[in-house]
Amino acid sequence: MRAATQAAKDKNHSKKAALPEDLKSFARELRHGQTDAERALWQVLRGRRMAGARFRRQHPLEPYVLDFYCHDLKLAIELDGGQHNAEQGRTHDERRSAFLASQGEGRADLMAVAREE
């Protein structure tokens, strides 16, 4: 049974186009340089802690890198910091939302607010 499961996974992965190396590299950089808000949310989402759903962090979905993504739920979670309040940030977010909707992906936005110490 295990061989059949692996064969099915291999078949599904072979249908996907390979991601550009620069996008994969950028996602790795983002994983290593997480914000405090991303780190805190990851502690809640990792290891199927949230309703048994498997999330990935800094998941590349060409041409974007999503903060958190659950393939089974087709749900992207984006933590939006202050840069998303500027016109350029809002425009980028709108384009990304339209792209995700066209791919059948859902999206949840969370505003990351910096605490004053």
PDB file of N, CA and C in Angstrom:
ATOM      1  N   MET A   1       0.820  -1.197   0.000  1.00  0.00           N
ATOM      2  CA  MET A   1       0.000   0.000   0.000  1.00  0.00           C
ATOM      3  C   MET A   1       0.865   1.263   0.000  1.00  0.00           C
ATOM      4  N   ARG A   2       1.966   1.226   0.724  1.00  0.00           N
ATOM      5  CA  ARG A   2       2.851   2.376   0.807  1.00  0.00           C
ATOM      6  C   ARG A   2       3.428   2.723  -0.567  1.00  0.00           C
ATOM      7  N   ALA A   3       3.783   1.715  -1.360  1.00  0.00           N
ATOM      8  CA  ALA A   3       4.336   1.954  -2.696  1.00  0.00           C
ATOM      9  C   ALA A   3       3.291   2.619  -3.590  1.00  0.00           C
ATOM     10  N   ALA A   4       2.034   2.201  -3.464  1.00  0.00           N
ATOM     11  CA  ALA A   4       0.966   2.802  -4.271  1.00  0.00           C
ATOM     12  C   ALA A   4       0.764   4.265  -3.896  1.00  0.00           C
ATOM     13  N   THR A   5       0.830   4.569  -2.599  1.00  0.00           N
ATOM     14  CA  THR A   5       0.686   5.953  -2.144  1.00  0.00           C
ATOM     15  C   THR A   5       1.824   6.806  -2.676  1.00  0.00           C
ATOM     16  N   GLN A   6       3.044   6.291  -2.606  1.00  0.00           N
ATOM     17  CA  GLN A   6       4.194   7.035  -3.101  1.00  0.00           C
ATOM     18  C   GLN A   6       4.100   7.232  -4.613  1.00  0.00           C
ATOM     19  N   ALA A   7       3.630   6.226  -5.328  1.00  0.00           N
ATOM     20  CA  ALA A   7       3.480   6.338  -6.781  1.00  0.00           C
ATOM     21  C   ALA A   7       2.459   7.422  -7.124  1.00  0.00           C
ATOM     22  N   ALA A   8       1.381   7.493  -6.348  1.00  0.00           N
ATOM     23  CA  ALA A   8       0.368   8.525  -6.582  1.00  0.00           C
ATOM     24  C   ALA A   8       0.943   9.911  -6.315  1.00  0.00           C
ATOM     25  N   LYS A   9       1.723  10.040  -5.245  1.00  0.00           N
ATOM     26  CA  LYS A   9       2.362  11.325  -4.944  1.00  0.00           C
ATOM     27  C   LYS A   9       3.322  11.724  -6.056  1.00  0.00           C
ATOM     28  N   ASP A  10       4.135  10.757  -6.522  1.00  0.00           N
ATOM     29  CA  ASP A  10       5.085  11.038  -7.596  1.00  0.00           C
ATOM     30  C   ASP A  10       4.364  11.487  -8.851  1.00  0.00           C
ATOM     31  N   LYS A  11       3.240  10.847  -9.149  1.00  0.00           N
ATOM     32  CA  LYS A  11       2.464  11.194 -10.336  1.00  0.00           C
ATOM     33  C   LYS A  11       1.928  12.620 -10.217  1.00  0.00           C
ATOM     34  N   ASN A  12       1.410  12.983  -9.032  1.00  0.00           N
ATOM     35  CA  ASN A  12       0.880  14.330  -8.827  1.00  0.00           C
ATOM     36  C   ASN A  12       1.976  15.377  -8.906  1.00  0.00           C
ATOM     37  N   HIS A  13       3.141  15.076  -8.369  1.00  0.00           N
ATOM     38  CA  HIS A  13       4.236  16.036  -8.408  1.00  0.00           C
ATOM     39  C   HIS A  13       4.794  16.204  -9.807  1.00  0.00           C
ATOM     40  N   SER A  14       4.717  15.176 -10.616  1.00  0.00           N
ATOM     41  CA  SER A  14       5.261  15.274 -11.964  1.00  0.00           C
ATOM     42  C   SER A  14       4.421  16.198 -12.837  1.00  0.00           C
ATOM     43  N   LYS A  15       3.160  16.467 -12.460  1.00  0.00           N
ATOM     44  CA  LYS A  15       2.303  17.356 -13.240  1.00  0.00           C
ATOM     45  C   LYS A  15       2.662  18.819 -13.027  1.00  0.00           C
ATOM     46  N   LYS A  16       3.255  19.131 -11.880  1.00  0.00           N
ATOM     47  CA  LYS A  16       3.594  20.509 -11.569  1.00  0.00           C
ATOM     48  C   LYS A  16       4.837  20.945 -12.331  1.00  0.00           C
ATOM     49  N   ALA A  17       4.808  22.180 -12.754  1.00  0.00           N
ATOM     50  CA  ALA A  17       6.007  22.748 -13.364  1.00  0.00           C
ATOM     51  C   ALA A  17       6.986  23.097 -12.250  1.00  0.00           C
ATOM     52  N   ALA A  18       8.250  22.939 -12.517  1.00  0.00           N
ATOM     53  CA  ALA A  18       9.268  23.257 -11.508  1.00  0.00           C
ATOM     54  C   ALA A  18       9.257  24.758 -11.222  1.00  0.00           C
ATOM     55  N   LEU A  19       9.425  25.087  -9.962  1.00  0.00           N
ATOM     56  CA  LEU A  19       9.486  26.499  -9.581  1.00  0.00           C
ATOM     57  C   LEU A  19      10.836  27.076  -9.965  1.00  0.00           C
ATOM     58  N   PRO A  20      10.860  28.349 -10.335  1.00  0.00           N
ATOM     59  CA  PRO A  20      12.145  28.985 -10.623  1.00  0.00           C
ATOM     60  C   PRO A  20      13.036  28.961  -9.383  1.00  0.00           C
ATOM     61  N   GLU A  21      14.301  28.725  -9.577  1.00  0.00           N
ATOM     62  CA  GLU A  21      15.238  28.618  -8.460  1.00  0.00           C
ATOM     63  C   GLU A  21      15.285  29.899  -7.641  1.00  0.00           C
ATOM     64  N   ASP A  22      15.165  31.071  -8.298  1.00  0.00           N
ATOM     65  CA  ASP A  22      15.221  32.327  -7.551  1.00  0.00           C
ATOM     66  C   ASP A  22      14.015  32.492  -6.628  1.00  0.00           C
ATOM     67  N   LEU A  23      12.851  31.972  -7.017  1.00  0.00           N
ATOM     68  CA  LEU A  23      11.671  32.039  -6.170  1.00  0.00           C
ATOM     69  C   LEU A  23      11.824  31.115  -4.960  1.00  0.00           C
ATOM     70  N   LYS A  24      12.346  29.911  -5.189  1.00  0.00           N
ATOM     71  CA  LYS A  24      12.591  28.985  -4.070  1.00  0.00           C
ATOM     72  C   LYS A  24      13.614  29.572  -3.107  1.00  0.00           C
ATOM     73  N   SER A  25      14.649  30.176  -3.647  1.00  0.00           N
ATOM     74  CA  SER A  25      15.685  30.778  -2.821  1.00  0.00           C
ATOM     75  C   SER A  25      15.122  31.940  -1.998  1.00  0.00           C
ATOM     76  N   PHE A  26      14.271  32.752  -2.610  1.00  0.00           N
ATOM     77  CA  PHE A  26      13.646  33.877  -1.917  1.00  0.00           C
ATOM     78  C   PHE A  26      12.764  33.364  -0.778  1.00  0.00           C
ATOM     79  N   ALA A  27      12.006  32.300  -1.011  1.00  0.00           N
ATOM     80  CA  ALA A  27      11.156  31.718   0.032  1.00  0.00           C
ATOM     81  C   ALA A  27      12.019  31.239   1.204  1.00  0.00           C
ATOM     82  N   ARG A  28      13.154  30.621   0.899  1.00  0.00           N
ATOM     83  CA  ARG A  28      14.068  30.170   1.966  1.00  0.00           C
ATOM     84  C   ARG A  28      14.570  31.355   2.790  1.00  0.00           C
ATOM     85  N   GLU A  29      14.932  32.426   2.106  1.00  0.00           N
ATOM     86  CA  GLU A  29      15.394  33.632   2.803  1.00  0.00           C
ATOM     87  C   GLU A  29      14.316  34.172   3.732  1.00  0.00           C
ATOM     88  N   LEU A  30      13.085  34.200   3.251  1.00  0.00           N
ATOM     89  CA  LEU A  30      11.982  34.698   4.071  1.00  0.00           C
ATOM     90  C   LEU A  30      11.749  33.808   5.293  1.00  0.00           C
ATOM     91  N   ARG A  31      11.895  32.495   5.128  1.00  0.00           N
ATOM     92  CA  ARG A  31      11.725  31.581   6.265  1.00  0.00           C
ATOM     93  C   ARG A  31      12.766  31.855   7.341  1.00  0.00           C
ATOM     94  N   HIS A  32      13.980  32.179   6.912  1.00  0.00           N
ATOM     95  CA  HIS A  32      15.055  32.429   7.875  1.00  0.00           C
ATOM     96  C   HIS A  32      14.964  33.815   8.507  1.00  0.00           C
ATOM     97  N   GLY A  33      14.240  34.717   7.868  1.00  0.00           N
ATOM     98  CA  GLY A  33      14.140  36.085   8.384  1.00  0.00           C
ATOM     99  C   GLY A  33      12.731  36.452   8.803  1.00  0.00           C
ATOM    100  N   GLN A  34      12.042  35.537   9.460  1.00  0.00           N
ATOM    101  CA  GLN A  34      10.656  35.787   9.844  1.00  0.00           C
ATOM    102  C   GLN A  34      10.530  36.963  10.807  1.00  0.00           C
ATOM    103  N   THR A  35       9.399  37.642  10.718  1.00  0.00           N
ATOM    104  CA  THR A  35       9.082  38.692  11.683  1.00  0.00           C
ATOM    105  C   THR A  35       8.606  38.034  12.972  1.00  0.00           C
ATOM    106  N   ASP A  36       8.531  38.814  14.035  1.00  0.00           N
ATOM    107  CA  ASP A  36       8.031  38.286  15.306  1.00  0.00           C
ATOM    108  C   ASP A  36       6.598  37.781  15.159  1.00  0.00           C
ATOM    109  N   ALA A  37       5.779  38.518  14.403  1.00  0.00           N
ATOM    110  CA  ALA A  37       4.381  38.115  14.201  1.00  0.00           C
ATOM    111  C   ALA A  37       4.306  36.789  13.443  1.00  0.00           C
ATOM    112  N   GLU A  38       5.129  36.628  12.410  1.00  0.00           N
ATOM    113  CA  GLU A  38       5.144  35.371  11.657  1.00  0.00           C
ATOM    114  C   GLU A  38       5.609  34.213  12.535  1.00  0.00           C
ATOM    115  N   ARG A  39       6.611  34.461  13.342  1.00  0.00           N
ATOM    116  CA  ARG A  39       7.130  33.426  14.238  1.00  0.00           C
ATOM    117  C   ARG A  39       6.048  32.989  15.234  1.00  0.00           C
ATOM    118  N   ALA A  40       5.316  33.946  15.788  1.00  0.00           N
ATOM    119  CA  ALA A  40       4.265  33.630  16.762  1.00  0.00           C
ATOM    120  C   ALA A  40       3.128  32.846  16.105  1.00  0.00           C
ATOM    121  N   LEU A  41       2.711  33.264  14.915  1.00  0.00           N
ATOM    122  CA  LEU A  41       1.629  32.546  14.232  1.00  0.00           C
ATOM    123  C   LEU A  41       2.084  31.150  13.820  1.00  0.00           C
ATOM    124  N   TRP A  42       3.331  30.999  13.416  1.00  0.00           N
ATOM    125  CA  TRP A  42       3.853  29.691  13.023  1.00  0.00           C
ATOM    126  C   TRP A  42       3.778  28.716  14.202  1.00  0.00           C
ATOM    127  N   GLN A  43       4.000  29.195  15.406  1.00  0.00           N
ATOM    128  CA  GLN A  43       3.914  28.321  16.578  1.00  0.00           C
ATOM    129  C   GLN A  43       2.501  27.784  16.768  1.00  0.00           C
ATOM    130  N   VAL A  44       1.513  28.519  16.323  1.00  0.00           N
ATOM    131  CA  VAL A  44       0.115  28.081  16.409  1.00  0.00           C
ATOM    132  C   VAL A  44      -0.228  27.114  15.267  1.00  0.00           C
ATOM    133  N   LEU A  45       0.312  27.374  14.079  1.00  0.00           N
ATOM    134  CA  LEU A  45      -0.068  26.608  12.885  1.00  0.00           C
ATOM    135  C   LEU A  45       0.746  25.334  12.675  1.00  0.00           C
ATOM    136  N   ARG A  46       1.997  25.315  13.115  1.00  0.00           N
ATOM    137  CA  ARG A  46       2.894  24.204  12.772  1.00  0.00           C
ATOM    138  C   ARG A  46       2.440  22.887  13.404  1.00  0.00           C
ATOM    139  N   GLY A  47       2.868  21.804  12.775  1.00  0.00           N
ATOM    140  CA  GLY A  47       2.591  20.477  13.320  1.00  0.00           C
ATOM    141  C   GLY A  47       1.113  20.137  13.412  1.00  0.00           C
ATOM    142  N   ARG A  48       0.316  20.676  12.500  1.00  0.00           N
ATOM    143  CA  ARG A  48      -1.130  20.403  12.463  1.00  0.00           C
ATOM    144  C   ARG A  48      -1.837  20.800  13.759  1.00  0.00           C
ATOM    145  N   ARG A  49      -1.333  21.833  14.415  1.00  0.00           N
ATOM    146  CA  ARG A  49      -1.914  22.283  15.691  1.00  0.00           C
ATOM    147  C   ARG A  49      -3.239  23.006  15.506  1.00  0.00           C
ATOM    148  N   MET A  50      -3.487  23.546  14.334  1.00  0.00           N
ATOM    149  CA  MET A  50      -4.718  24.286  14.077  1.00  0.00           C
ATOM    150  C   MET A  50      -5.687  23.384  13.321  1.00  0.00           C
ATOM    151  N   ALA A  51      -6.620  22.803  14.043  1.00  0.00           N
ATOM    152  CA  ALA A  51      -7.678  21.969  13.456  1.00  0.00           C
ATOM    153  C   ALA A  51      -7.132  20.825  12.604  1.00  0.00           C
ATOM    154  N   GLY A  52      -5.924  20.372  12.891  1.00  0.00           N
ATOM    155  CA  GLY A  52      -5.345  19.251  12.159  1.00  0.00           C
ATOM    156  C   GLY A  52      -4.894  19.589  10.745  1.00  0.00           C
ATOM    157  N   ALA A  53      -4.915  20.875  10.389  1.00  0.00           N
ATOM    158  CA  ALA A  53      -4.537  21.291   9.033  1.00  0.00           C
ATOM    159  C   ALA A  53      -3.023  21.450   8.940  1.00  0.00           C
ATOM    160  N   ARG A  54      -2.453  21.003   7.828  1.00  0.00           N
ATOM    161  CA  ARG A  54      -1.009  21.128   7.605  1.00  0.00           C
ATOM    162  C   ARG A  54      -0.723  22.419   6.849  1.00  0.00           C
ATOM    163  N   PHE A  55      -0.045  23.324   7.523  1.00  0.00           N
ATOM    164  CA  PHE A  55       0.346  24.591   6.906  1.00  0.00           C
ATOM    165  C   PHE A  55       1.820  24.570   6.561  1.00  0.00           C
ATOM    166  N   ARG A  56       2.155  25.304   5.517  1.00  0.00           N
ATOM    167  CA  ARG A  56       3.542  25.539   5.132  1.00  0.00           C
ATOM    168  C   ARG A  56       3.797  27.023   5.329  1.00  0.00           C
ATOM    169  N   ARG A  57       5.026  27.370   5.698  1.00  0.00           N
ATOM    170  CA  ARG A  57       5.342  28.795   5.854  1.00  0.00           C
ATOM    171  C   ARG A  57       6.211  29.242   4.694  1.00  0.00           C
ATOM    172  N   GLN A  58       6.001  30.479   4.307  1.00  0.00           N
ATOM    173  CA  GLN A  58       6.725  31.074   3.175  1.00  0.00           C
ATOM    174  C   GLN A  58       6.688  30.117   1.984  1.00  0.00           C
ATOM    175  N   HIS A  59       5.481  29.806   1.572  1.00  0.00           N
ATOM    176  CA  HIS A  59       5.249  28.821   0.509  1.00  0.00           C
ATOM    177  C   HIS A  59       5.203  29.497  -0.862  1.00  0.00           C
ATOM    178  N   PRO A  60       6.099  29.105  -1.776  1.00  0.00           N
ATOM    179  CA  PRO A  60       6.080  29.709  -3.119  1.00  0.00           C
ATOM    180  C   PRO A  60       4.898  29.200  -3.943  1.00  0.00           C
ATOM    181  N   LEU A  61       4.144  30.126  -4.472  1.00  0.00           N
ATOM    182  CA  LEU A  61       3.063  29.839  -5.416  1.00  0.00           C
ATOM    183  C   LEU A  61       3.243  30.877  -6.516  1.00  0.00           C
ATOM    184  N   GLU A  62       3.989  30.487  -7.532  1.00  0.00           N
ATOM    185  CA  GLU A  62       4.461  31.417  -8.555  1.00  0.00           C
ATOM    186  C   GLU A  62       3.353  32.318  -9.060  1.00  0.00           C
ATOM    187  N   PRO A  63       3.565  33.617  -9.052  1.00  0.00           N
ATOM    188  CA  PRO A  63       4.810  34.361  -8.847  1.00  0.00           C
ATOM    189  C   PRO A  63       4.977  34.902  -7.418  1.00  0.00           C
ATOM    190  N   TYR A  64       4.187  34.410  -6.471  1.00  0.00           N
ATOM    191  CA  TYR A  64       4.206  34.949  -5.108  1.00  0.00           C
ATOM    192  C   TYR A  64       4.808  33.963  -4.117  1.00  0.00           C
ATOM    193  N   VAL A  65       5.145  34.477  -2.943  1.00  0.00           N
ATOM    194  CA  VAL A  65       5.514  33.648  -1.801  1.00  0.00           C
ATOM    195  C   VAL A  65       4.502  33.987  -0.713  1.00  0.00           C
ATOM    196  N   LEU A  66       3.716  32.989  -0.314  1.00  0.00           N
ATOM    197  CA  LEU A  66       2.656  33.189   0.662  1.00  0.00           C
ATOM    198  C   LEU A  66       3.197  32.986   2.071  1.00  0.00           C
ATOM    199  N   ASP A  67       2.775  33.827   3.010  1.00  0.00           N
ATOM    200  CA  ASP A  67       3.276  33.708   4.383  1.00  0.00           C
ATOM    201  C   ASP A  67       2.986  32.316   4.941  1.00  0.00           C
ATOM    202  N   PHE A  68       1.739  31.880   4.850  1.00  0.00           N
ATOM    203  CA  PHE A  68       1.342  30.552   5.317  1.00  0.00           C
ATOM    204  C   PHE A  68       0.330  29.992   4.334  1.00  0.00           C
ATOM    205  N   TYR A  69       0.419  28.689   4.077  1.00  0.00           N
ATOM    206  CA  TYR A  69      -0.462  28.085   3.081  1.00  0.00           C
ATOM    207  C   TYR A  69      -0.838  26.668   3.493  1.00  0.00           C
ATOM    208  N   CYS A  70      -2.127  26.352   3.386  1.00  0.00           N
ATOM    209  CA  CYS A  70      -2.625  24.998   3.624  1.00  0.00           C
ATOM    210  C   CYS A  70      -3.191  24.485   2.303  1.00  0.00           C
ATOM    211  N   HIS A  71      -2.514  23.498   1.725  1.00  0.00           N
ATOM    212  CA  HIS A  71      -2.925  22.954   0.428  1.00  0.00           C
ATOM    213  C   HIS A  71      -4.308  22.305   0.510  1.00  0.00           C
ATOM    214  N   ASP A  72      -4.550  21.501   1.547  1.00  0.00           N
ATOM    215  CA  ASP A  72      -5.829  20.798   1.656  1.00  0.00           C
ATOM    216  C   ASP A  72      -7.016  21.757   1.715  1.00  0.00           C
ATOM    217  N   LEU A  73      -6.849  22.872   2.414  1.00  0.00           N
ATOM    218  CA  LEU A  73      -7.929  23.859   2.533  1.00  0.00           C
ATOM    219  C   LEU A  73      -7.888  24.908   1.426  1.00  0.00           C
ATOM    220  N   LYS A  74      -6.793  24.904   0.649  1.00  0.00           N
ATOM    221  CA  LYS A  74      -6.562  25.948  -0.358  1.00  0.00           C
ATOM    222  C   LYS A  74      -6.713  27.326   0.284  1.00  0.00           C
ATOM    223  N   LEU A  75      -6.001  27.483   1.397  1.00  0.00           N
ATOM    224  CA  LEU A  75      -6.096  28.699   2.193  1.00  0.00           C
ATOM    225  C   LEU A  75      -4.726  29.326   2.377  1.00  0.00           C
ATOM    226  N   ALA A  76      -4.626  30.583   1.998  1.00  0.00           N
ATOM    227  CA  ALA A  76      -3.400  31.358   2.204  1.00  0.00           C
ATOM    228  C   ALA A  76      -3.659  32.352   3.327  1.00  0.00           C
ATOM    229  N   ILE A  77      -2.720  32.450   4.260  1.00  0.00           N
ATOM    230  CA  ILE A  77      -2.801  33.438   5.335  1.00  0.00           C
ATOM    231  C   ILE A  77      -1.642  34.398   5.150  1.00  0.00           C
ATOM    232  N   GLU A  78      -1.977  35.667   5.055  1.00  0.00           N
ATOM    233  CA  GLU A  78      -0.971  36.704   4.873  1.00  0.00           C
ATOM    234  C   GLU A  78      -0.978  37.625   6.082  1.00  0.00           C
ATOM    235  N   LEU A  79       0.181  37.832   6.662  1.00  0.00           N
ATOM    236  CA  LEU A  79       0.332  38.799   7.743  1.00  0.00           C
ATOM    237  C   LEU A  79       0.759  40.112   7.108  1.00  0.00           C
ATOM    238  N   ASP A  80      -0.061  41.107   7.250  1.00  0.00           N
ATOM    239  CA  ASP A  80       0.205  42.392   6.617  1.00  0.00           C
ATOM    240  C   ASP A  80       0.722  43.387   7.638  1.00  0.00           C
ATOM    241  N   GLY A  81       1.937  43.834   7.432  1.00  0.00           N
ATOM    242  CA  GLY A  81       2.534  44.860   8.289  1.00  0.00           C
ATOM    243  C   GLY A  81       2.272  46.242   7.719  1.00  0.00           C
ATOM    244  N   GLY A  82       2.949  47.224   8.250  1.00  0.00           N
ATOM    245  CA  GLY A  82       2.732  48.612   7.866  1.00  0.00           C
ATOM    246  C   GLY A  82       2.952  48.909   6.395  1.00  0.00           C
ATOM    247  N   GLN A  83       3.858  48.161   5.747  1.00  0.00           N
ATOM    248  CA  GLN A  83       4.138  48.429   4.329  1.00  0.00           C
ATOM    249  C   GLN A  83       2.917  48.169   3.451  1.00  0.00           C
ATOM    250  N   HIS A  84       1.957  47.415   3.965  1.00  0.00           N
ATOM    251  CA  HIS A  84       0.763  47.109   3.187  1.00  0.00           C
ATOM    252  C   HIS A  84      -0.258  48.246   3.224  1.00  0.00           C
ATOM    253  N   ASN A  85      -0.020  49.249   4.076  1.00  0.00           N
ATOM    254  CA  ASN A  85      -0.922  50.400   4.146  1.00  0.00           C
ATOM    255  C   ASN A  85      -0.614  51.440   3.077  1.00  0.00           C
ATOM    256  N   ALA A  86       0.588  51.412   2.531  1.00  0.00           N
ATOM    257  CA  ALA A  86       0.975  52.353   1.483  1.00  0.00           C
ATOM    258  C   ALA A  86       0.274  51.963   0.179  1.00  0.00           C
ATOM    259  N   GLU A  87       0.137  52.902  -0.707  1.00  0.00           N
ATOM    260  CA  GLU A  87      -0.547  52.665  -1.988  1.00  0.00           C
ATOM    261  C   GLU A  87       0.059  51.496  -2.752  1.00  0.00           C
ATOM    262  N   GLN A  88       1.383  51.450  -2.829  1.00  0.00           N
ATOM    263  CA  GLN A  88       2.058  50.372  -3.557  1.00  0.00           C
ATOM    264  C   GLN A  88       1.760  49.020  -2.911  1.00  0.00           C
ATOM    265  N   GLY A  89       1.748  48.965  -1.587  1.00  0.00           N
ATOM    266  CA  GLY A  89       1.445  47.726  -0.872  1.00  0.00           C
ATOM    267  C   GLY A  89       0.022  47.264  -1.099  1.00  0.00           C
ATOM    268  N   ARG A  90      -0.913  48.209  -1.078  1.00  0.00           N
ATOM    269  CA  ARG A  90      -2.329  47.854  -1.318  1.00  0.00           C
ATOM    270  C   ARG A  90      -2.515  47.342  -2.743  1.00  0.00           C
ATOM    271  N   THR A  91      -1.865  47.974  -3.698  1.00  0.00           N
ATOM    272  CA  THR A  91      -1.956  47.537  -5.098  1.00  0.00           C
ATOM    273  C   THR A  91      -1.412  46.115  -5.248  1.00  0.00           C
ATOM    274  N   HIS A  92      -0.262  45.856  -4.641  1.00  0.00           N
ATOM    275  CA  HIS A  92       0.331  44.515  -4.683  1.00  0.00           C
ATOM    276  C   HIS A  92      -0.626  43.489  -4.059  1.00  0.00           C
ATOM    277  N   ASP A  93      -1.209  43.829  -2.913  1.00  0.00           N
ATOM    278  CA  ASP A  93      -2.133  42.921  -2.231  1.00  0.00           C
ATOM    279  C   ASP A  93      -3.364  42.627  -3.086  1.00  0.00           C
ATOM    280  N   GLU A  94      -3.886  43.658  -3.755  1.00  0.00           N
ATOM    281  CA  GLU A  94      -5.057  43.474  -4.611  1.00  0.00           C
ATOM    282  C   GLU A  94      -4.738  42.543  -5.784  1.00  0.00           C
ATOM    283  N   ARG A  95      -3.569  42.726  -6.390  1.00  0.00           N
ATOM    284  CA  ARG A  95      -3.160  41.847  -7.500  1.00  0.00           C
ATOM    285  C   ARG A  95      -2.998  40.411  -7.023  1.00  0.00           C
ATOM    286  N   ARG A  96      -2.360  40.244  -5.858  1.00  0.00           N
ATOM    287  CA  ARG A  96      -2.162  38.905  -5.306  1.00  0.00           C
ATOM    288  C   ARG A  96      -3.504  38.258  -4.975  1.00  0.00           C
ATOM    289  N   SER A  97      -4.429  39.013  -4.396  1.00  0.00           N
ATOM    290  CA  SER A  97      -5.757  38.471  -4.073  1.00  0.00           C
ATOM    291  C   SER A  97      -6.491  38.025  -5.325  1.00  0.00           C
ATOM    292  N   ALA A  98      -6.416  38.830  -6.380  1.00  0.00           N
ATOM    293  CA  ALA A  98      -7.068  38.468  -7.639  1.00  0.00           C
ATOM    294  C   ALA A  98      -6.441  37.201  -8.226  1.00  0.00           C
ATOM    295  N   PHE A  99      -5.118  37.109  -8.154  1.00  0.00           N
ATOM    296  CA  PHE A  99      -4.428  35.919  -8.653  1.00  0.00           C
ATOM    297  C   PHE A  99      -4.865  34.691  -7.878  1.00  0.00           C
ATOM    298  N   LEU A 100      -4.869  34.778  -6.544  1.00  0.00           N
ATOM    299  CA  LEU A 100      -5.257  33.624  -5.725  1.00  0.00           C
ATOM    300  C   LEU A 100      -6.694  33.210  -6.007  1.00  0.00           C
ATOM    301  N   ALA A 101      -7.578  34.176  -6.157  1.00  0.00           N
ATOM    302  CA  ALA A 101      -8.972  33.859  -6.465  1.00  0.00           C
ATOM    303  C   ALA A 101      -9.080  33.148  -7.815  1.00  0.00           C
ATOM    304  N   SER A 102      -8.270  33.569  -8.791  1.00  0.00           N
ATOM    305  CA  SER A 102      -8.296  32.930 -10.107  1.00  0.00           C
ATOM    306  C   SER A 102      -7.779  31.497 -10.056  1.00  0.00           C
ATOM    307  N   GLN A 103      -6.974  31.190  -9.028  1.00  0.00           N
ATOM    308  CA  GLN A 103      -6.419  29.844  -8.854  1.00  0.00           C
ATOM    309  C   GLN A 103      -7.302  28.978  -7.959  1.00  0.00           C
ATOM    310  N   GLY A 104      -8.421  29.558  -7.470  1.00  0.00           N
ATOM    311  CA  GLY A 104      -9.302  28.825  -6.571  1.00  0.00           C
ATOM    312  C   GLY A 104      -8.789  28.767  -5.148  1.00  0.00           C
ATOM    313  N   GLU A 105      -7.895  29.675  -4.798  1.00  0.00           N
ATOM    314  CA  GLU A 105      -7.317  29.711  -3.457  1.00  0.00           C
ATOM    315  C   GLU A 105      -8.065  30.737  -2.619  1.00  0.00           C
ATOM    316  N   GLY A 106      -8.291  30.405  -1.355  1.00  0.00           N
ATOM    317  CA  GLY A 106      -8.872  31.355  -0.416  1.00  0.00           C
ATOM    318  C   GLY A 106      -7.766  32.156   0.232  1.00  0.00           C
ATOM    319  N   ARG A 107      -8.141  33.241   0.874  1.00  0.00           N
ATOM    320  CA  ARG A 107      -7.128  34.078   1.506  1.00  0.00           C
ATOM    321  C   ARG A 107      -7.686  34.689   2.766  1.00  0.00           C
ATOM    322  N   ALA A 108      -6.898  34.663   3.810  1.00  0.00           N
ATOM    323  CA  ALA A 108      -7.231  35.333   5.062  1.00  0.00           C
ATOM    324  C   ALA A 108      -6.145  36.360   5.337  1.00  0.00           C
ATOM    325  N   ASP A 109      -6.550  37.581   5.608  1.00  0.00           N
ATOM    326  CA  ASP A 109      -5.591  38.636   5.905  1.00  0.00           C
ATOM    327  C   ASP A 109      -5.584  38.903   7.397  1.00  0.00           C
ATOM    328  N   LEU A 110      -4.421  39.009   7.949  1.00  0.00           N
ATOM    329  CA  LEU A 110      -4.267  39.401   9.352  1.00  0.00           C
ATOM    330  C   LEU A 110      -3.344  40.594   9.385  1.00  0.00           C
ATOM    331  N   MET A 111      -3.723  41.611  10.113  1.00  0.00           N
ATOM    332  CA  MET A 111      -2.877  42.790  10.223  1.00  0.00           C
ATOM    333  C   MET A 111      -1.922  42.587  11.388  1.00  0.00           C
ATOM    334  N   ALA A 112      -0.647  42.646  11.110  1.00  0.00           N
ATOM    335  CA  ALA A 112       0.357  42.536  12.164  1.00  0.00           C
ATOM    336  C   ALA A 112       0.612  43.930  12.718  1.00  0.00           C
ATOM    337  N   VAL A 113       0.317  44.114  13.979  1.00  0.00           N
ATOM    338  CA  VAL A 113       0.483  45.414  14.610  1.00  0.00           C
ATOM    339  C   VAL A 113       1.676  45.321  15.554  1.00  0.00           C
ATOM    340  N   ALA A 114       2.613  46.231  15.387  1.00  0.00           N
ATOM    341  CA  ALA A 114       3.796  46.251  16.248  1.00  0.00           C
ATOM    342  C   ALA A 114       3.398  46.769  17.627  1.00  0.00           C
ATOM    343  N   ARG A 115       3.864  46.083  18.660  1.00  0.00           N
ATOM    344  CA  ARG A 115       3.598  46.527  20.016  1.00  0.00           C
ATOM    345  C   ARG A 115       4.640  47.561  20.406  1.00  0.00           C
ATOM    346  N   GLU A 116       4.190  48.577  21.099  1.00  0.00           N
ATOM    347  CA  GLU A 116       5.145  49.552  21.606  1.00  0.00           C
ATOM    348  C   GLU A 116       5.616  49.079  22.955  1.00  0.00           C
ATOM    349  N   GLU A 117       6.901  49.162  23.190  1.00  0.00           N
ATOM    350  CA  GLU A 117       7.476  48.665  24.446  1.00  0.00           C
ATOM    351  C   GLU A 117       7.629  49.791  25.434  1.00  0.00           C
TER     352      GLU A 117
END
